[in-house]
Amino acid sequence: MKESNRAMESDKSSKGTAGSRIVEARETFNTLMEISRILNTGLDQESLAICVRLCDQGANPEALATVIKELRRETAALRESENESS
């Protein structure tokens, strides 16, 4: 009986730890989102989450920022040329 109680306590403890990790991860992401807004990055939550995942997987943050800036420039140029041709 004591062993089953210990197993249940251990299970509750690991769930609590996992739950607190999720809460911490959400708080960290919310902080990153706020920093992103303050810096006027123009990234929405989904885009920021993708960038964070890419960095976690080893992508160079500076290179990623350069790619995003270039994509924005190219998109703006395409839109401008479409507007001129209409």
PDB file of N, CA and C in Angstrom:
ATOM      1  N   MET A   1       0.818  -1.187   0.000  1.00  0.00           N
ATOM      2  CA  MET A   1       0.000   0.000   0.000  1.00  0.00           C
ATOM      3  C   MET A   1       0.867   1.258   0.000  1.00  0.00           C
ATOM      4  N   LYS A   2       1.929   1.246   0.808  1.00  0.00           N
ATOM      5  CA  LYS A   2       2.807   2.401   0.863  1.00  0.00           C
ATOM      6  C   LYS A   2       3.476   2.645  -0.483  1.00  0.00           C
ATOM      7  N   GLU A   3       3.845   1.546  -1.153  1.00  0.00           N
ATOM      8  CA  GLU A   3       4.497   1.677  -2.458  1.00  0.00           C
ATOM      9  C   GLU A   3       3.564   2.323  -3.469  1.00  0.00           C
ATOM     10  N   SER A   4       2.287   1.958  -3.465  1.00  0.00           N
ATOM     11  CA  SER A   4       1.358   2.555  -4.419  1.00  0.00           C
ATOM     12  C   SER A   4       1.136   4.032  -4.102  1.00  0.00           C
ATOM     13  N   ASN A   5       1.131   4.398  -2.827  1.00  0.00           N
ATOM     14  CA  ASN A   5       1.014   5.810  -2.452  1.00  0.00           C
ATOM     15  C   ASN A   5       2.229   6.595  -2.931  1.00  0.00           C
ATOM     16  N   ARG A   6       3.410   6.003  -2.775  1.00  0.00           N
ATOM     17  CA  ARG A   6       4.629   6.667  -3.242  1.00  0.00           C
ATOM     18  C   ARG A   6       4.595   6.850  -4.754  1.00  0.00           C
ATOM     19  N   ALA A   7       4.121   5.831  -5.455  1.00  0.00           N
ATOM     20  CA  ALA A   7       4.033   5.917  -6.911  1.00  0.00           C
ATOM     21  C   ALA A   7       3.057   7.017  -7.320  1.00  0.00           C
ATOM     22  N   MET A   8       1.932   7.107  -6.613  1.00  0.00           N
ATOM     23  CA  MET A   8       0.952   8.148  -6.918  1.00  0.00           C
ATOM     24  C   MET A   8       1.531   9.529  -6.623  1.00  0.00           C
ATOM     25  N   GLU A   9       2.246   9.676  -5.502  1.00  0.00           N
ATOM     26  CA  GLU A   9       2.861  10.953  -5.142  1.00  0.00           C
ATOM     27  C   GLU A   9       3.906  11.343  -6.181  1.00  0.00           C
ATOM     28  N   SER A  10       4.697  10.347  -6.607  1.00  0.00           N
ATOM     29  CA  SER A  10       5.722  10.602  -7.618  1.00  0.00           C
ATOM     30  C   SER A  10       5.085  11.039  -8.923  1.00  0.00           C
ATOM     31  N   ASP A  11       3.978  10.377  -9.292  1.00  0.00           N
ATOM     32  CA  ASP A  11       3.274  10.711 -10.520  1.00  0.00           C
ATOM     33  C   ASP A  11       2.719  12.132 -10.443  1.00  0.00           C
ATOM     34  N   LYS A  12       2.141  12.498  -9.303  1.00  0.00           N
ATOM     35  CA  LYS A  12       1.620  13.852  -9.111  1.00  0.00           C
ATOM     36  C   LYS A  12       2.749  14.868  -9.188  1.00  0.00           C
ATOM     37  N   SER A  13       3.881  14.531  -8.588  1.00  0.00           N
ATOM     38  CA  SER A  13       5.034  15.438  -8.583  1.00  0.00           C
ATOM     39  C   SER A  13       5.555  15.677  -9.989  1.00  0.00           C
ATOM     40  N   SER A  14       5.651  14.600 -10.792  1.00  0.00           N
ATOM     41  CA  SER A  14       6.155  14.767 -12.158  1.00  0.00           C
ATOM     42  C   SER A  14       5.162  15.550 -13.011  1.00  0.00           C
ATOM     43  N   LYS A  15       3.865  15.363 -12.770  1.00  0.00           N
ATOM     44  CA  LYS A  15       2.863  16.142 -13.504  1.00  0.00           C
ATOM     45  C   LYS A  15       2.948  17.605 -13.103  1.00  0.00           C
ATOM     46  N   GLY A  16       3.167  17.853 -11.808  1.00  0.00           N
ATOM     47  CA  GLY A  16       3.308  19.222 -11.332  1.00  0.00           C
ATOM     48  C   GLY A  16       4.524  19.891 -11.929  1.00  0.00           C
ATOM     49  N   THR A  17       5.620  19.153 -12.019  1.00  0.00           N
ATOM     50  CA  THR A  17       6.843  19.692 -12.608  1.00  0.00           C
ATOM     51  C   THR A  17       6.630  19.992 -14.084  1.00  0.00           C
ATOM     52  N   ALA A  18       5.989  19.084 -14.790  1.00  0.00           N
ATOM     53  CA  ALA A  18       5.711  19.309 -16.214  1.00  0.00           C
ATOM     54  C   ALA A  18       4.782  20.500 -16.383  1.00  0.00           C
ATOM     55  N   GLY A  19       3.792  20.608 -15.511  1.00  0.00           N
ATOM     56  CA  GLY A  19       2.866  21.740 -15.568  1.00  0.00           C
ATOM     57  C   GLY A  19       3.568  23.053 -15.310  1.00  0.00           C
ATOM     58  N   SER A  20       4.492  23.056 -14.344  1.00  0.00           N
ATOM     59  CA  SER A  20       5.208  24.300 -14.056  1.00  0.00           C
ATOM     60  C   SER A  20       6.149  24.661 -15.200  1.00  0.00           C
ATOM     61  N   ARG A  21       6.698  23.656 -15.870  1.00  0.00           N
ATOM     62  CA  ARG A  21       7.546  23.937 -17.040  1.00  0.00           C
ATOM     63  C   ARG A  21       6.741  24.572 -18.162  1.00  0.00           C
ATOM     64  N   ILE A  22       5.514  24.097 -18.339  1.00  0.00           N
ATOM     65  CA  ILE A  22       4.648  24.662 -19.371  1.00  0.00           C
ATOM     66  C   ILE A  22       4.317  26.114 -19.042  1.00  0.00           C
ATOM     67  N   VAL A  23       4.001  26.365 -17.773  1.00  0.00           N
ATOM     68  CA  VAL A  23       3.697  27.734 -17.339  1.00  0.00           C
ATOM     69  C   VAL A  23       4.911  28.628 -17.547  1.00  0.00           C
ATOM     70  N   GLU A  24       6.089  28.138 -17.176  1.00  0.00           N
ATOM     71  CA  GLU A  24       7.321  28.913 -17.359  1.00  0.00           C
ATOM     72  C   GLU A  24       7.587  29.188 -18.841  1.00  0.00           C
ATOM     73  N   ALA A  25       7.357  28.190 -19.680  1.00  0.00           N
ATOM     74  CA  ALA A  25       7.575  28.367 -21.121  1.00  0.00           C
ATOM     75  C   ALA A  25       6.612  29.410 -21.685  1.00  0.00           C
ATOM     76  N   ARG A  26       5.362  29.376 -21.238  1.00  0.00           N
ATOM     77  CA  ARG A  26       4.383  30.373 -21.702  1.00  0.00           C
ATOM     78  C   ARG A  26       4.784  31.770 -21.251  1.00  0.00           C
ATOM     79  N   GLU A  27       5.215  31.885 -20.000  1.00  0.00           N
ATOM     80  CA  GLU A  27       5.636  33.190 -19.475  1.00  0.00           C
ATOM     81  C   GLU A  27       6.844  33.712 -20.254  1.00  0.00           C
ATOM     82  N   THR A  28       7.786  32.828 -20.549  1.00  0.00           N
ATOM     83  CA  THR A  28       8.965  33.219 -21.323  1.00  0.00           C
ATOM     84  C   THR A  28       8.555  33.679 -22.715  1.00  0.00           C
ATOM     85  N   PHE A  29       7.656  32.933 -23.345  1.00  0.00           N
ATOM     86  CA  PHE A  29       7.219  33.309 -24.685  1.00  0.00           C
ATOM     87  C   PHE A  29       6.471  34.635 -24.652  1.00  0.00           C
ATOM     88  N   ASN A  30       5.635  34.840 -23.642  1.00  0.00           N
ATOM     89  CA  ASN A  30       4.917  36.114 -23.528  1.00  0.00           C
ATOM     90  C   ASN A  30       5.895  37.275 -23.363  1.00  0.00           C
ATOM     91  N   THR A  31       6.973  37.051 -22.613  1.00  0.00           N
ATOM     92  CA  THR A  31       8.003  38.072 -22.459  1.00  0.00           C
ATOM     93  C   THR A  31       8.681  38.346 -23.797  1.00  0.00           C
ATOM     94  N   LEU A  32       9.007  37.291 -24.530  1.00  0.00           N
ATOM     95  CA  LEU A  32       9.601  37.465 -25.864  1.00  0.00           C
ATOM     96  C   LEU A  32       8.654  38.222 -26.794  1.00  0.00           C
ATOM     97  N   MET A  33       7.369  37.921 -26.713  1.00  0.00           N
ATOM     98  CA  MET A  33       6.389  38.597 -27.557  1.00  0.00           C
ATOM     99  C   MET A  33       6.342  40.082 -27.208  1.00  0.00           C
ATOM    100  N   GLU A  34       6.397  40.403 -25.936  1.00  0.00           N
ATOM    101  CA  GLU A  34       6.380  41.801 -25.510  1.00  0.00           C
ATOM    102  C   GLU A  34       7.634  42.537 -25.991  1.00  0.00           C
ATOM    103  N   ILE A  35       8.784  41.889 -25.888  1.00  0.00           N
ATOM    104  CA  ILE A  35      10.031  42.478 -26.402  1.00  0.00           C
ATOM    105  C   ILE A  35       9.915  42.695 -27.906  1.00  0.00           C
ATOM    106  N   SER A  36       9.352  41.726 -28.602  1.00  0.00           N
ATOM    107  CA  SER A  36       9.159  41.825 -30.043  1.00  0.00           C
ATOM    108  C   SER A  36       8.285  43.032 -30.392  1.00  0.00           C
ATOM    109  N   ARG A  37       7.219  43.242 -29.623  1.00  0.00           N
ATOM    110  CA  ARG A  37       6.337  44.390 -29.863  1.00  0.00           C
ATOM    111  C   ARG A  37       7.061  45.705 -29.587  1.00  0.00           C
ATOM    112  N   ILE A  38       7.799  45.746 -28.481  1.00  0.00           N
ATOM    113  CA  ILE A  38       8.534  46.964 -28.118  1.00  0.00           C
ATOM    114  C   ILE A  38       9.528  47.335 -29.210  1.00  0.00           C
ATOM    115  N   LEU A  39      10.168  46.328 -29.789  1.00  0.00           N
ATOM    116  CA  LEU A  39      11.158  46.561 -30.839  1.00  0.00           C
ATOM    117  C   LEU A  39      10.532  46.730 -32.225  1.00  0.00           C
ATOM    118  N   ASN A  40       9.202  46.675 -32.286  1.00  0.00           N
ATOM    119  CA  ASN A  40       8.475  46.829 -33.560  1.00  0.00           C
ATOM    120  C   ASN A  40       8.983  45.873 -34.638  1.00  0.00           C
ATOM    121  N   THR A  41       9.118  44.609 -34.274  1.00  0.00           N
ATOM    122  CA  THR A  41       9.607  43.631 -35.247  1.00  0.00           C
ATOM    123  C   THR A  41       8.563  43.287 -36.292  1.00  0.00           C
ATOM    124  N   GLY A  42       7.303  43.482 -35.956  1.00  0.00           N
ATOM    125  CA  GLY A  42       6.241  43.129 -36.895  1.00  0.00           C
ATOM    126  C   GLY A  42       5.941  41.646 -36.923  1.00  0.00           C
ATOM    127  N   LEU A  43       6.532  40.884 -36.009  1.00  0.00           N
ATOM    128  CA  LEU A  43       6.288  39.442 -35.976  1.00  0.00           C
ATOM    129  C   LEU A  43       5.022  39.153 -35.176  1.00  0.00           C
ATOM    130  N   ASP A  44       4.164  38.294 -35.717  1.00  0.00           N
ATOM    131  CA  ASP A  44       3.017  37.840 -34.946  1.00  0.00           C
ATOM    132  C   ASP A  44       3.460  36.656 -34.083  1.00  0.00           C
ATOM    133  N   GLN A  45       2.553  36.140 -33.270  1.00  0.00           N
ATOM    134  CA  GLN A  45       2.923  35.051 -32.359  1.00  0.00           C
ATOM    135  C   GLN A  45       3.432  33.823 -33.099  1.00  0.00           C
ATOM    136  N   GLU A  46       2.768  33.474 -34.182  1.00  0.00           N
ATOM    137  CA  GLU A  46       3.170  32.280 -34.936  1.00  0.00           C
ATOM    138  C   GLU A  46       4.565  32.456 -35.529  1.00  0.00           C
ATOM    139  N   SER A  47       4.819  33.622 -36.115  1.00  0.00           N
ATOM    140  CA  SER A  47       6.132  33.880 -36.718  1.00  0.00           C
ATOM    141  C   SER A  47       7.233  33.886 -35.662  1.00  0.00           C
ATOM    142  N   LEU A  48       6.946  34.516 -34.527  1.00  0.00           N
ATOM    143  CA  LEU A  48       7.934  34.534 -33.444  1.00  0.00           C
ATOM    144  C   LEU A  48       8.203  33.121 -32.937  1.00  0.00           C
ATOM    145  N   ALA A  49       7.151  32.319 -32.799  1.00  0.00           N
ATOM    146  CA  ALA A  49       7.324  30.934 -32.334  1.00  0.00           C
ATOM    147  C   ALA A  49       8.188  30.145 -33.315  1.00  0.00           C
ATOM    148  N   ILE A  50       7.986  30.355 -34.605  1.00  0.00           N
ATOM    149  CA  ILE A  50       8.803  29.676 -35.615  1.00  0.00           C
ATOM    150  C   ILE A  50      10.260  30.101 -35.487  1.00  0.00           C
ATOM    151  N   CYS A  51      10.485  31.399 -35.314  1.00  0.00           N
ATOM    152  CA  CYS A  51      11.856  31.901 -35.155  1.00  0.00           C
ATOM    153  C   CYS A  51      12.524  31.308 -33.915  1.00  0.00           C
ATOM    154  N   VAL A  52      11.787  31.240 -32.817  1.00  0.00           N
ATOM    155  CA  VAL A  52      12.331  30.666 -31.578  1.00  0.00           C
ATOM    156  C   VAL A  52      12.702  29.204 -31.795  1.00  0.00           C
ATOM    157  N   ARG A  53      11.805  28.451 -32.456  1.00  0.00           N
ATOM    158  CA  ARG A  53      12.096  27.033 -32.719  1.00  0.00           C
ATOM    159  C   ARG A  53      13.322  26.869 -33.606  1.00  0.00           C
ATOM    160  N   LEU A  54      13.430  27.702 -34.621  1.00  0.00           N
ATOM    161  CA  LEU A  54      14.598  27.631 -35.509  1.00  0.00           C
ATOM    162  C   LEU A  54      15.883  27.925 -34.732  1.00  0.00           C
ATOM    163  N   CYS A  55      15.838  28.927 -33.872  1.00  0.00           N
ATOM    164  CA  CYS A  55      17.025  29.248 -33.059  1.00  0.00           C
ATOM    165  C   CYS A  55      17.345  28.105 -32.099  1.00  0.00           C
ATOM    166  N   ASP A  56      16.309  27.512 -31.499  1.00  0.00           N
ATOM    167  CA  ASP A  56      16.521  26.367 -30.603  1.00  0.00           C
ATOM    168  C   ASP A  56      17.167  25.199 -31.332  1.00  0.00           C
ATOM    169  N   GLN A  57      16.894  25.089 -32.634  1.00  0.00           N
ATOM    170  CA  GLN A  57      17.450  23.995 -33.426  1.00  0.00           C
ATOM    171  C   GLN A  57      18.796  24.353 -34.044  1.00  0.00           C
ATOM    172  N   GLY A  58      19.321  25.528 -33.678  1.00  0.00           N
ATOM    173  CA  GLY A  58      20.671  25.874 -34.099  1.00  0.00           C
ATOM    174  C   GLY A  58      20.803  26.924 -35.179  1.00  0.00           C
ATOM    175  N   ALA A  59      19.673  27.490 -35.631  1.00  0.00           N
ATOM    176  CA  ALA A  59      19.763  28.539 -36.653  1.00  0.00           C
ATOM    177  C   ALA A  59      20.438  29.775 -36.054  1.00  0.00           C
ATOM    178  N   ASN A  60      21.236  30.440 -36.863  1.00  0.00           N
ATOM    179  CA  ASN A  60      21.905  31.663 -36.434  1.00  0.00           C
ATOM    180  C   ASN A  60      20.869  32.785 -36.378  1.00  0.00           C
ATOM    181  N   PRO A  61      20.648  33.399 -35.205  1.00  0.00           N
ATOM    182  CA  PRO A  61      19.624  34.443 -35.079  1.00  0.00           C
ATOM    183  C   PRO A  61      19.864  35.640 -36.006  1.00  0.00           C
ATOM    184  N   GLU A  62      21.114  36.033 -36.178  1.00  0.00           N
ATOM    185  CA  GLU A  62      21.407  37.167 -37.054  1.00  0.00           C
ATOM    186  C   GLU A  62      21.093  36.832 -38.511  1.00  0.00           C
ATOM    187  N   ALA A  63      21.432  35.624 -38.920  1.00  0.00           N
ATOM    188  CA  ALA A  63      21.130  35.197 -40.284  1.00  0.00           C
ATOM    189  C   ALA A  63      19.620  35.115 -40.485  1.00  0.00           C
ATOM    190  N   LEU A  64      18.912  34.632 -39.488  1.00  0.00           N
ATOM    191  CA  LEU A  64      17.457  34.544 -39.554  1.00  0.00           C
ATOM    192  C   LEU A  64      16.848  35.941 -39.687  1.00  0.00           C
ATOM    193  N   ALA A  65      17.347  36.892 -38.911  1.00  0.00           N
ATOM    194  CA  ALA A  65      16.857  38.277 -39.006  1.00  0.00           C
ATOM    195  C   ALA A  65      17.118  38.848 -40.393  1.00  0.00           C
ATOM    196  N   THR A  66      18.283  38.558 -40.955  1.00  0.00           N
ATOM    197  CA  THR A  66      18.620  39.042 -42.294  1.00  0.00           C
ATOM    198  C   THR A  66      17.670  38.461 -43.334  1.00  0.00           C
ATOM    199  N   VAL A  67      17.367  37.180 -43.216  1.00  0.00           N
ATOM    200  CA  VAL A  67      16.446  36.532 -44.158  1.00  0.00           C
ATOM    201  C   VAL A  67      15.053  37.159 -44.055  1.00  0.00           C
ATOM    202  N   ILE A  68      14.589  37.400 -42.839  1.00  0.00           N
ATOM    203  CA  ILE A  68      13.265  38.001 -42.651  1.00  0.00           C
ATOM    204  C   ILE A  68      13.223  39.395 -43.271  1.00  0.00           C
ATOM    205  N   LYS A  69      14.254  40.193 -43.030  1.00  0.00           N
ATOM    206  CA  LYS A  69      14.305  41.542 -43.610  1.00  0.00           C
ATOM    207  C   LYS A  69      14.295  41.474 -45.141  1.00  0.00           C
ATOM    208  N   GLU A  70      15.074  40.570 -45.701  1.00  0.00           N
ATOM    209  CA  GLU A  70      15.135  40.434 -47.153  1.00  0.00           C
ATOM    210  C   GLU A  70      13.802  39.979 -47.726  1.00  0.00           C
ATOM    211  N   LEU A  71      13.147  39.040 -47.069  1.00  0.00           N
ATOM    212  CA  LEU A  71      11.828  38.589 -47.525  1.00  0.00           C
ATOM    213  C   LEU A  71      10.816  39.734 -47.500  1.00  0.00           C
ATOM    214  N   ARG A  72      10.888  40.557 -46.480  1.00  0.00           N
ATOM    215  CA  ARG A  72       9.988  41.707 -46.393  1.00  0.00           C
ATOM    216  C   ARG A  72      10.257  42.703 -47.526  1.00  0.00           C
ATOM    217  N   ARG A  73      11.540  42.946 -47.790  1.00  0.00           N
ATOM    218  CA  ARG A  73      11.891  43.863 -48.886  1.00  0.00           C
ATOM    219  C   ARG A  73      11.379  43.334 -50.220  1.00  0.00           C
ATOM    220  N   GLU A  74      11.608  42.047 -50.467  1.00  0.00           N
ATOM    221  CA  GLU A  74      11.172  41.436 -51.728  1.00  0.00           C
ATOM    222  C   GLU A  74       9.645  41.460 -51.856  1.00  0.00           C
ATOM    223  N   THR A  75       8.962  41.177 -50.760  1.00  0.00           N
ATOM    224  CA  THR A  75       7.495  41.199 -50.771  1.00  0.00           C
ATOM    225  C   THR A  75       6.986  42.600 -51.084  1.00  0.00           C
ATOM    226  N   ALA A  76       7.588  43.602 -50.442  1.00  0.00           N
ATOM    227  CA  ALA A  76       7.186  44.993 -50.689  1.00  0.00           C
ATOM    228  C   ALA A  76       7.446  45.379 -52.140  1.00  0.00           C
ATOM    229  N   ALA A  77       8.582  44.950 -52.685  1.00  0.00           N
ATOM    230  CA  ALA A  77       8.913  45.267 -54.080  1.00  0.00           C
ATOM    231  C   ALA A  77       7.920  44.603 -55.028  1.00  0.00           C
ATOM    232  N   LEU A  78       7.543  43.372 -54.746  1.00  0.00           N
ATOM    233  CA  LEU A  78       6.564  42.678 -55.593  1.00  0.00           C
ATOM    234  C   LEU A  78       5.209  43.371 -55.540  1.00  0.00           C
ATOM    235  N   ARG A  79       4.797  43.760 -54.353  1.00  0.00           N
ATOM    236  CA  ARG A  79       3.511  44.452 -54.224  1.00  0.00           C
ATOM    237  C   ARG A  79       3.534  45.778 -54.960  1.00  0.00           C
ATOM    238  N   GLU A  80       4.647  46.481 -54.851  1.00  0.00           N
ATOM    239  CA  GLU A  80       4.777  47.767 -55.534  1.00  0.00           C
ATOM    240  C   GLU A  80       4.708  47.588 -57.053  1.00  0.00           C
ATOM    241  N   SER A  81       5.397  46.579 -57.571  1.00  0.00           N
ATOM    242  CA  SER A  81       5.369  46.351 -59.014  1.00  0.00           C
ATOM    243  C   SER A  81       3.988  45.904 -59.476  1.00  0.00           C
ATOM    244  N   GLU A  82       3.261  45.156 -58.640  1.00  0.00           N
ATOM    245  CA  GLU A  82       1.892  44.753 -58.985  1.00  0.00           C
ATOM    246  C   GLU A  82       0.970  45.963 -59.019  1.00  0.00           C
ATOM    247  N   ASN A  83       1.170  46.882 -58.063  1.00  0.00           N
ATOM    248  CA  ASN A  83       0.337  48.090 -58.021  1.00  0.00           C
ATOM    249  C   ASN A  83       0.606  48.997 -59.228  1.00  0.00           C
ATOM    250  N   GLU A  84       1.837  49.054 -59.656  1.00  0.00           N
ATOM    251  CA  GLU A  84       2.197  49.877 -60.804  1.00  0.00           C
ATOM    252  C   GLU A  84       1.625  49.307 -62.095  1.00  0.00           C
ATOM    253  N   SER A  85       1.558  47.979 -62.183  1.00  0.00           N
ATOM    254  CA  SER A  85       1.056  47.350 -63.401  1.00  0.00           C
ATOM    255  C   SER A  85      -0.469  47.331 -63.473  1.00  0.00           C
ATOM    256  N   SER A  86      -1.144  47.614 -62.348  1.00  0.00           N
ATOM    257  CA  SER A  86      -2.621  47.598 -62.377  1.00  0.00           C
ATOM    258  C   SER A  86      -3.195  48.894 -62.844  1.00  0.00           C
TER     259      SER A  86
END
